[in-house]
C-alpha atoms as a PDB file:
ATOM      1  CA  MET A   1      57.620  27.025  29.853  1.00  0.00           C
ATOM      2  CA  LYS A   2      54.390  25.983  28.151  1.00  0.00           C
ATOM      3  CA  LEU A   3      52.186  28.425  26.247  1.00  0.00           C
ATOM      4  CA  GLY A   4      48.486  28.167  25.593  1.00  0.00           C
ATOM      5  CA  ILE A   5      47.469  29.813  22.304  1.00  0.00           C
ATOM      6  CA  ILE A   6      43.781  30.429  21.636  1.00  0.00           C
ATOM      7  CA  GLY A   7      41.874  31.669  18.609  1.00  0.00           C
ATOM      8  CA  ALA A   8      38.092  32.076  18.487  1.00  0.00           C
ATOM      9  CA  MET A   9      37.967  30.978  14.856  1.00  0.00           C
ATOM     10  CA  PRO A  10      40.000  28.194  13.242  1.00  0.00           C
ATOM     11  CA  GLN A  11      41.165  30.544  10.489  1.00  0.00           C
ATOM     12  CA  GLU A  12      42.777  32.829  13.075  1.00  0.00           C
ATOM     13  CA  ILE A  13      45.214  30.103  14.120  1.00  0.00           C
ATOM     14  CA  ASP A  14      45.447  27.754  11.146  1.00  0.00           C
ATOM     15  CA  ARG A  15      48.675  29.367   9.894  1.00  0.00           C
ATOM     16  CA  ILE A  16      50.216  28.652  13.311  1.00  0.00           C
ATOM     17  CA  ALA A  17      48.858  25.090  13.171  1.00  0.00           C
ATOM     18  CA  GLU A  18      50.618  24.566   9.837  1.00  0.00           C
ATOM     19  CA  GLU A  19      53.989  25.334  11.443  1.00  0.00           C
ATOM     20  CA  LEU A  20      53.367  23.661  14.810  1.00  0.00           C
ATOM     21  CA  GLU A  21      55.588  20.628  15.342  1.00  0.00           C
ATOM     22  CA  THR A  22      52.630  18.589  16.526  1.00  0.00           C
ATOM     23  CA  GLU A  23      53.345  15.838  19.044  1.00  0.00           C
ATOM     24  CA  SER A  24      49.759  14.917  19.873  1.00  0.00           C
ATOM     25  CA  ILE A  25      46.170  16.103  19.627  1.00  0.00           C
ATOM     26  CA  VAL A  26      43.943  15.733  22.665  1.00  0.00           C
ATOM     27  CA  GLU A  27      40.155  15.942  22.361  1.00  0.00           C
ATOM     28  CA  ALA A  28      38.442  17.535  25.358  1.00  0.00           C
ATOM     29  CA  GLY A  29      35.093  19.266  25.724  1.00  0.00           C
ATOM     30  CA  GLY A  30      34.450  19.307  22.000  1.00  0.00           C
ATOM     31  CA  ARG A  31      37.784  20.973  21.250  1.00  0.00           C
ATOM     32  CA  SER A  32      41.042  19.731  19.750  1.00  0.00           C
ATOM     33  CA  TYR A  33      44.124  20.731  21.745  1.00  0.00           C
ATOM     34  CA  HIS A  34      47.211  20.528  19.520  1.00  0.00           C
ATOM     35  CA  MET A  35      50.329  19.931  21.596  1.00  0.00           C
ATOM     36  CA  GLY A  36      53.750  20.590  20.101  1.00  0.00           C
ATOM     37  CA  ARG A  37      56.422  23.209  19.549  1.00  0.00           C
ATOM     38  CA  PHE A  38      56.154  26.546  17.817  1.00  0.00           C
ATOM     39  CA  ALA A  39      58.776  29.303  17.627  1.00  0.00           C
ATOM     40  CA  GLY A  40      61.005  27.361  20.009  1.00  0.00           C
ATOM     41  CA  ALA A  41      58.476  26.848  22.810  1.00  0.00           C
ATOM     42  CA  ASP A  42      56.180  24.087  24.023  1.00  0.00           C
ATOM     43  CA  CYS A  43      52.671  25.152  23.031  1.00  0.00           C
ATOM     44  CA  VAL A  44      49.088  23.993  23.203  1.00  0.00           C
ATOM     45  CA  LEU A  45      47.090  25.457  20.316  1.00  0.00           C
ATOM     46  CA  VAL A  46      43.283  25.443  20.334  1.00  0.00           C
ATOM     47  CA  PHE A  47      40.222  26.872  18.595  1.00  0.00           C
ATOM     48  CA  SER A  48      37.946  28.005  21.426  1.00  0.00           C
ATOM     49  CA  HIS A  49      34.684  28.756  19.574  1.00  0.00           C
ATOM     50  CA  TRP A  50      32.956  32.140  19.882  1.00  0.00           C
ATOM     51  CA  GLY A  51      31.879  33.881  23.052  1.00  0.00           C
ATOM     52  CA  LYS A  52      32.836  34.308  26.684  1.00  0.00           C
ATOM     53  CA  VAL A  53      31.637  30.934  27.949  1.00  0.00           C
ATOM     54  CA  ALA A  54      33.465  29.048  25.202  1.00  0.00           C
ATOM     55  CA  ALA A  55      36.645  31.051  25.832  1.00  0.00           C
ATOM     56  CA  SER A  56      36.414  30.493  29.595  1.00  0.00           C
ATOM     57  CA  ILE A  57      36.040  26.728  29.157  1.00  0.00           C
ATOM     58  CA  THR A  58      39.056  26.670  26.865  1.00  0.00           C
ATOM     59  CA  ALA A  59      41.262  28.786  29.120  1.00  0.00           C
ATOM     60  CA  THR A  60      40.353  26.722  32.181  1.00  0.00           C
ATOM     61  CA  THR A  61      41.141  23.485  30.358  1.00  0.00           C
ATOM     62  CA  LEU A  62      44.514  24.843  29.236  1.00  0.00           C
ATOM     63  CA  ILE A  63      45.375  25.652  32.840  1.00  0.00           C
ATOM     64  CA  GLU A  64      43.866  22.665  34.655  1.00  0.00           C
ATOM     65  CA  ARG A  65      44.556  19.848  32.209  1.00  0.00           C
ATOM     66  CA  PHE A  66      47.565  21.024  30.232  1.00  0.00           C
ATOM     67  CA  GLY A  67      49.379  23.088  32.862  1.00  0.00           C
ATOM     68  CA  VAL A  68      50.190  26.087  30.673  1.00  0.00           C
ATOM     69  CA  ASP A  69      52.232  28.920  32.174  1.00  0.00           C
ATOM     70  CA  TYR A  70      50.942  31.695  29.883  1.00  0.00           C
ATOM     71  CA  ILE A  71      47.887  32.158  27.700  1.00  0.00           C
ATOM     72  CA  ILE A  72      47.854  34.228  24.507  1.00  0.00           C
ATOM     73  CA  PHE A  73      44.577  35.017  22.785  1.00  0.00           C
ATOM     74  CA  THR A  74      44.979  36.064  19.161  1.00  0.00           C
ATOM     75  CA  GLY A  75      42.410  37.061  16.573  1.00  0.00           C
ATOM     76  CA  VAL A  76      40.375  39.969  15.275  1.00  0.00           C
ATOM     77  CA  ALA A  77      38.280  42.771  16.754  1.00  0.00           C
ATOM     78  CA  GLY A  78      36.047  45.602  15.638  1.00  0.00           C
ATOM     79  CA  ALA A  79      37.251  49.166  16.037  1.00  0.00           C
ATOM     80  CA  VAL A  80      35.516  51.441  18.537  1.00  0.00           C
ATOM     81  CA  SER A  81      38.101  54.227  18.617  1.00  0.00           C
ATOM     82  CA  GLN A  82      37.887  56.476  15.581  1.00  0.00           C
ATOM     83  CA  HIS A  83      41.693  56.509  15.427  1.00  0.00           C
ATOM     84  CA  LEU A  84      41.884  52.840  14.458  1.00  0.00           C
ATOM     85  CA  ASN A  85      42.020  51.521  10.911  1.00  0.00           C
ATOM     86  CA  VAL A  86      41.589  48.080   9.427  1.00  0.00           C
ATOM     87  CA  GLY A  87      44.910  46.266   9.729  1.00  0.00           C
ATOM     88  CA  ASP A  88      45.966  47.979  12.972  1.00  0.00           C
ATOM     89  CA  VAL A  89      46.954  45.795  15.928  1.00  0.00           C
ATOM     90  CA  VAL A  90      45.613  46.348  19.438  1.00  0.00           C
ATOM     91  CA  ILE A  91      47.313  44.875  22.498  1.00  0.00           C
ATOM     92  CA  ALA A  92      45.175  44.964  25.613  1.00  0.00           C
ATOM     93  CA  ASP A  93      46.551  46.604  28.721  1.00  0.00           C
ATOM     94  CA  ARG A  94      43.217  45.996  30.433  1.00  0.00           C
ATOM     95  CA  LEU A  95      39.991  44.228  29.547  1.00  0.00           C
ATOM     96  CA  ILE A  96      36.374  44.674  30.583  1.00  0.00           C
ATOM     97  CA  GLN A  97      33.108  42.785  29.979  1.00  0.00           C
ATOM     98  CA  HIS A  98      30.893  45.452  28.404  1.00  0.00           C
ATOM     99  CA  ASP A  99      27.715  43.377  28.808  1.00  0.00           C
ATOM    100  CA  PHE A 100      28.192  42.562  32.509  1.00  0.00           C
ATOM    101  CA  ASP A 101      25.903  44.605  34.734  1.00  0.00           C
ATOM    102  CA  VAL A 102      24.376  43.616  38.080  1.00  0.00           C
ATOM    103  CA  SER A 103      24.196  47.192  39.328  1.00  0.00           C
ATOM    104  CA  ALA A 104      20.415  46.948  39.655  1.00  0.00           C
ATOM    105  CA  ALA A 105      21.003  44.778  42.726  1.00  0.00           C
ATOM    106  CA  GLY A 106      22.236  47.928  44.420  1.00  0.00           C
ATOM    107  CA  ILE A 107      25.493  46.515  45.767  1.00  0.00           C
ATOM    108  CA  LEU A 108      27.878  46.646  42.799  1.00  0.00           C
ATOM    109  CA  SER A 109      28.734  49.218  40.168  1.00  0.00           C
ATOM    110  CA  LYS A 110      28.202  48.593  36.459  1.00  0.00           C
ATOM    111  CA  TYR A 111      30.794  46.163  35.003  1.00  0.00           C
ATOM    112  CA  GLU A 112      32.063  45.149  38.484  1.00  0.00           C
ATOM    113  CA  ILE A 113      32.654  41.408  38.820  1.00  0.00           C
ATOM    114  CA  PRO A 114      31.080  39.946  41.978  1.00  0.00           C
ATOM    115  CA  PHE A 115      33.499  38.780  44.683  1.00  0.00           C
ATOM    116  CA  LEU A 116      36.524  40.124  42.788  1.00  0.00           C
ATOM    117  CA  GLY A 117      35.887  43.809  43.412  1.00  0.00           C
ATOM    118  CA  ILE A 118      37.193  44.897  40.027  1.00  0.00           C
ATOM    119  CA  SER A 119      35.750  45.779  36.632  1.00  0.00           C
ATOM    120  CA  TYR A 120      38.953  45.775  34.588  1.00  0.00           C
ATOM    121  CA  PHE A 121      41.505  42.992  34.288  1.00  0.00           C
ATOM    122  CA  SER A 122      45.004  44.408  33.875  1.00  0.00           C
ATOM    123  CA  VAL A 123      47.769  42.846  31.788  1.00  0.00           C
ATOM    124  CA  ASP A 124      51.393  42.581  32.878  1.00  0.00           C
ATOM    125  CA  ALA A 125      53.338  45.597  31.606  1.00  0.00           C
ATOM    126  CA  THR A 126      56.416  43.584  30.619  1.00  0.00           C
ATOM    127  CA  LEU A 127      54.337  41.211  28.493  1.00  0.00           C
ATOM    128  CA  ILE A 128      52.618  44.166  26.844  1.00  0.00           C
ATOM    129  CA  GLU A 129      55.952  45.707  25.888  1.00  0.00           C
ATOM    130  CA  LEU A 130      57.239  42.438  24.419  1.00  0.00           C
ATOM    131  CA  ALA A 131      54.022  41.996  22.428  1.00  0.00           C
ATOM    132  CA  LYS A 132      54.248  45.563  21.179  1.00  0.00           C
ATOM    133  CA  GLN A 133      57.808  45.008  19.997  1.00  0.00           C
ATOM    134  CA  ALA A 134      56.792  41.814  18.187  1.00  0.00           C
ATOM    135  CA  ALA A 135      53.804  43.451  16.486  1.00  0.00           C
ATOM    136  CA  GLU A 136      55.866  46.429  15.368  1.00  0.00           C
ATOM    137  CA  GLU A 137      58.540  44.120  13.984  1.00  0.00           C
ATOM    138  CA  PHE A 138      55.907  42.218  12.022  1.00  0.00           C
ATOM    139  CA  LEU A 139      54.228  45.309  10.611  1.00  0.00           C
ATOM    140  CA  SER A 140      57.558  46.825   9.618  1.00  0.00           C
ATOM    141  CA  ASN A 141      58.321  43.803   7.453  1.00  0.00           C
ATOM    142  CA  LYS A 142      57.440  45.079   3.979  1.00  0.00           C
ATOM    143  CA  ASP A 143      57.478  41.563   2.553  1.00  0.00           C
ATOM    144  CA  HIS A 144      54.911  40.016   4.868  1.00  0.00           C
ATOM    145  CA  PRO A 145      52.053  38.362   2.933  1.00  0.00           C
ATOM    146  CA  ALA A 146      49.273  40.059   4.891  1.00  0.00           C
ATOM    147  CA  ALA A 147      49.587  43.437   3.221  1.00  0.00           C
ATOM    148  CA  PRO A 148      47.214  43.603   0.241  1.00  0.00           C
ATOM    149  CA  SER A 149      47.400  46.875  -1.648  1.00  0.00           C
ATOM    150  CA  PHE A 150      44.204  48.312  -0.148  1.00  0.00           C
ATOM    151  CA  LEU A 151      45.520  48.061   3.433  1.00  0.00           C
ATOM    152  CA  LYS A 152      47.566  50.880   4.853  1.00  0.00           C
ATOM    153  CA  ARG A 153      50.652  49.905   6.809  1.00  0.00           C
ATOM    154  CA  GLY A 154      49.153  49.082  10.175  1.00  0.00           C
ATOM    155  CA  SER A 155      50.024  50.661  13.504  1.00  0.00           C
ATOM    156  CA  VAL A 156      50.211  49.139  16.978  1.00  0.00           C
ATOM    157  CA  TYR A 157      48.058  50.451  19.816  1.00  0.00           C
ATOM    158  CA  VAL A 158      47.967  49.530  23.496  1.00  0.00           C
ATOM    159  CA  GLY A 159      44.783  50.095  25.452  1.00  0.00           C
ATOM    160  CA  THR A 160      41.395  48.889  26.629  1.00  0.00           C
ATOM    161  CA  ILE A 161      39.573  46.032  24.933  1.00  0.00           C
ATOM    162  CA  ALA A 162      35.964  45.175  25.792  1.00  0.00           C
ATOM    163  CA  SER A 163      34.338  41.769  25.410  1.00  0.00           C
ATOM    164  CA  GLY A 164      30.703  40.724  25.248  1.00  0.00           C
ATOM    165  CA  ASP A 165      28.461  38.048  23.821  1.00  0.00           C
ATOM    166  CA  GLN A 166      27.413  40.215  20.906  1.00  0.00           C
ATOM    167  CA  PHE A 167      28.810  40.734  17.421  1.00  0.00           C
ATOM    168  CA  ILE A 168      28.870  44.534  17.363  1.00  0.00           C
ATOM    169  CA  ALA A 169      28.167  45.959  13.910  1.00  0.00           C
ATOM    170  CA  HIS A 170      25.760  48.871  14.370  1.00  0.00           C
ATOM    171  CA  PRO A 171      27.108  52.436  14.672  1.00  0.00           C
ATOM    172  CA  ASP A 172      24.612  53.267  17.418  1.00  0.00           C
ATOM    173  CA  LYS A 173      25.946  50.470  19.603  1.00  0.00           C
ATOM    174  CA  ILE A 174      29.508  51.588  18.915  1.00  0.00           C
ATOM    175  CA  GLU A 175      28.623  55.104  20.019  1.00  0.00           C
ATOM    176  CA  GLU A 176      27.014  53.725  23.170  1.00  0.00           C
ATOM    177  CA  LEU A 177      30.230  51.876  23.991  1.00  0.00           C
ATOM    178  CA  ARG A 178      32.349  54.969  23.330  1.00  0.00           C
ATOM    179  CA  THR A 179      30.233  56.905  25.816  1.00  0.00           C
ATOM    180  CA  ALA A 180      30.201  54.185  28.476  1.00  0.00           C
ATOM    181  CA  ILE A 181      33.916  53.316  28.223  1.00  0.00           C
ATOM    182  CA  PRO A 182      35.653  56.478  26.943  1.00  0.00           C
ATOM    183  CA  ASP A 183      39.130  54.968  26.525  1.00  0.00           C
ATOM    184  CA  LEU A 184      37.891  51.873  24.678  1.00  0.00           C
ATOM    185  CA  LEU A 185      39.852  50.928  21.558  1.00  0.00           C
ATOM    186  CA  CYS A 186      38.044  47.876  20.224  1.00  0.00           C
ATOM    187  CA  VAL A 187      35.471  45.217  20.965  1.00  0.00           C
ATOM    188  CA  GLU A 188      35.392  41.432  20.607  1.00  0.00           C
ATOM    189  CA  MET A 189      33.742  38.413  22.259  1.00  0.00           C
ATOM    190  CA  GLU A 190      36.310  36.526  24.335  1.00  0.00           C
ATOM    191  CA  GLY A 191      39.325  38.384  25.725  1.00  0.00           C
ATOM    192  CA  ALA A 192      37.933  39.651  29.036  1.00  0.00           C
ATOM    193  CA  ALA A 193      36.598  36.196  29.864  1.00  0.00           C
ATOM    194  CA  VAL A 194      40.037  34.672  29.338  1.00  0.00           C
ATOM    195  CA  ALA A 195      41.482  37.516  31.401  1.00  0.00           C
ATOM    196  CA  GLN A 196      39.155  36.727  34.298  1.00  0.00           C
ATOM    197  CA  VAL A 197      40.038  33.042  34.255  1.00  0.00           C
ATOM    198  CA  CYS A 198      43.753  33.854  34.169  1.00  0.00           C
ATOM    199  CA  HIS A 199      43.329  36.448  36.929  1.00  0.00           C
ATOM    200  CA  GLU A 200      41.640  33.938  39.199  1.00  0.00           C
ATOM    201  CA  TYR A 201      44.288  31.288  38.524  1.00  0.00           C
ATOM    202  CA  GLY A 202      47.218  33.705  38.681  1.00  0.00           C
ATOM    203  CA  ILE A 203      48.304  32.943  35.106  1.00  0.00           C
ATOM    204  CA  PRO A 204      49.892  35.681  32.930  1.00  0.00           C
ATOM    205  CA  TYR A 205      48.089  36.395  29.677  1.00  0.00           C
ATOM    206  CA  LEU A 206      48.008  38.539  26.561  1.00  0.00           C
ATOM    207  CA  VAL A 207      45.176  39.497  24.232  1.00  0.00           C
ATOM    208  CA  ILE A 208      46.328  40.627  20.783  1.00  0.00           C
ATOM    209  CA  ARG A 209      43.742  41.688  18.228  1.00  0.00           C
ATOM    210  CA  THR A 210      43.889  42.776  14.579  1.00  0.00           C
ATOM    211  CA  ILE A 211      41.253  45.297  13.521  1.00  0.00           C
ATOM    212  CA  SER A 212      39.026  43.686  10.892  1.00  0.00           C
ATOM    213  CA  ASP A 213      36.255  46.265  10.604  1.00  0.00           C
ATOM    214  CA  LYS A 214      35.141  49.762  11.587  1.00  0.00           C
ATOM    215  CA  ALA A 215      31.867  51.172  12.819  1.00  0.00           C
ATOM    216  CA  ASP A 216      31.468  53.232   9.658  1.00  0.00           C
ATOM    217  CA  HIS A 217      31.285  50.049   7.544  1.00  0.00           C
ATOM    218  CA  SER A 218      34.271  51.171   5.476  1.00  0.00           C
ATOM    219  CA  ALA A 219      36.158  47.867   5.690  1.00  0.00           C
ATOM    220  CA  PRO A 220      37.760  47.010   2.328  1.00  0.00           C
ATOM    221  CA  MET A 221      36.648  43.362   2.499  1.00  0.00           C
ATOM    222  CA  ASP A 222      34.019  41.349   4.339  1.00  0.00           C
ATOM    223  CA  PHE A 223      34.698  39.852   7.752  1.00  0.00           C
ATOM    224  CA  LEU A 224      35.267  36.219   6.743  1.00  0.00           C
ATOM    225  CA  THR A 225      37.472  37.159   3.803  1.00  0.00           C
ATOM    226  CA  PHE A 226      39.599  39.304   6.107  1.00  0.00           C
ATOM    227  CA  ILE A 227      39.970  36.369   8.516  1.00  0.00           C
ATOM    228  CA  ARG A 228      41.013  34.006   5.736  1.00  0.00           C
ATOM    229  CA  ASN A 229      43.307  36.323   3.794  1.00  0.00           C
ATOM    230  CA  VAL A 230      44.788  38.687   6.367  1.00  0.00           C
ATOM    231  CA  ALA A 231      44.224  37.876  10.043  1.00  0.00           C
ATOM    232  CA  ARG A 232      45.792  34.404   9.909  1.00  0.00           C
ATOM    233  CA  HIS A 233      49.079  35.947   8.769  1.00  0.00           C
ATOM    234  CA  TYR A 234      48.987  38.586  11.510  1.00  0.00           C
ATOM    235  CA  SER A 235      48.457  35.985  14.247  1.00  0.00           C
ATOM    236  CA  TYR A 236      51.264  33.832  12.900  1.00  0.00           C
ATOM    237  CA  GLY A 237      53.701  36.658  12.210  1.00  0.00           C
ATOM    238  CA  ILE A 238      53.272  38.383  15.562  1.00  0.00           C
ATOM    239  CA  LEU A 239      53.462  35.214  17.673  1.00  0.00           C
ATOM    240  CA  GLN A 240      56.433  33.950  15.664  1.00  0.00           C
ATOM    241  CA  ARG A 241      58.289  37.059  16.813  1.00  0.00           C
ATOM    242  CA  LEU A 242      56.794  37.278  20.308  1.00  0.00           C
ATOM    243  CA  ILE A 243      57.340  33.768  21.645  1.00  0.00           C
ATOM    244  CA  PRO A 244      61.166  33.820  21.441  1.00  0.00           C
ATOM    245  CA  LYS A 245      61.038  36.972  23.567  1.00  0.00           C
ATOM    246  CA  LEU A 246      59.098  35.119  26.266  1.00  0.00           C
ATOM    247  CA  ILE A 247      61.362  32.100  26.630  1.00  0.00           C
END
């Protein structure tokens, strides 16, 4: 089994890169694909860059060139649900592109992907359960280094994640998303694009996100500081526990 591991920012996966038993690094399409072993599995680790197009290119390359059997996207997201707090973990059970809308053509509903006939991309239930177990194990570890004093002990949620080519930071936009997609937990810029690529290729996938900020601007640290000081440990700690469950 070979896993593809993607992060949209280098800091989201650099802790994993430190522990990867690197065998080779392949340059393709402006990205560095690190091939090696992590947590007992053959892995290809890559920084995708931001946005849906960048994530789609990366996922396609992992499948076509490197022959991965699973893809895991790990990183951060902004909370939409008022129940979420900074430091919580969200595992997608379905993903949607919140900025995709060709309904004005009169033949498709809002969010529906042409020629696929669906708006949401569903995640395998068994993979979700394994990811949930791994995240809960990580968060229950009182000694993990990603728990500064201002963060509450995080919780794990399973639900809808929306992706779009926008960095959502304004409360009005958050409220618009809550109204349009009532069960939405959080928003980011890549997951649904990776989900569509995997759906079309028939490749299982997971999207695991750590909440870095809230719509009420109450985050205890700025976005980049959270990535550097917290999110990298979450990505590493969760995948370190998840991957042995997959193999």
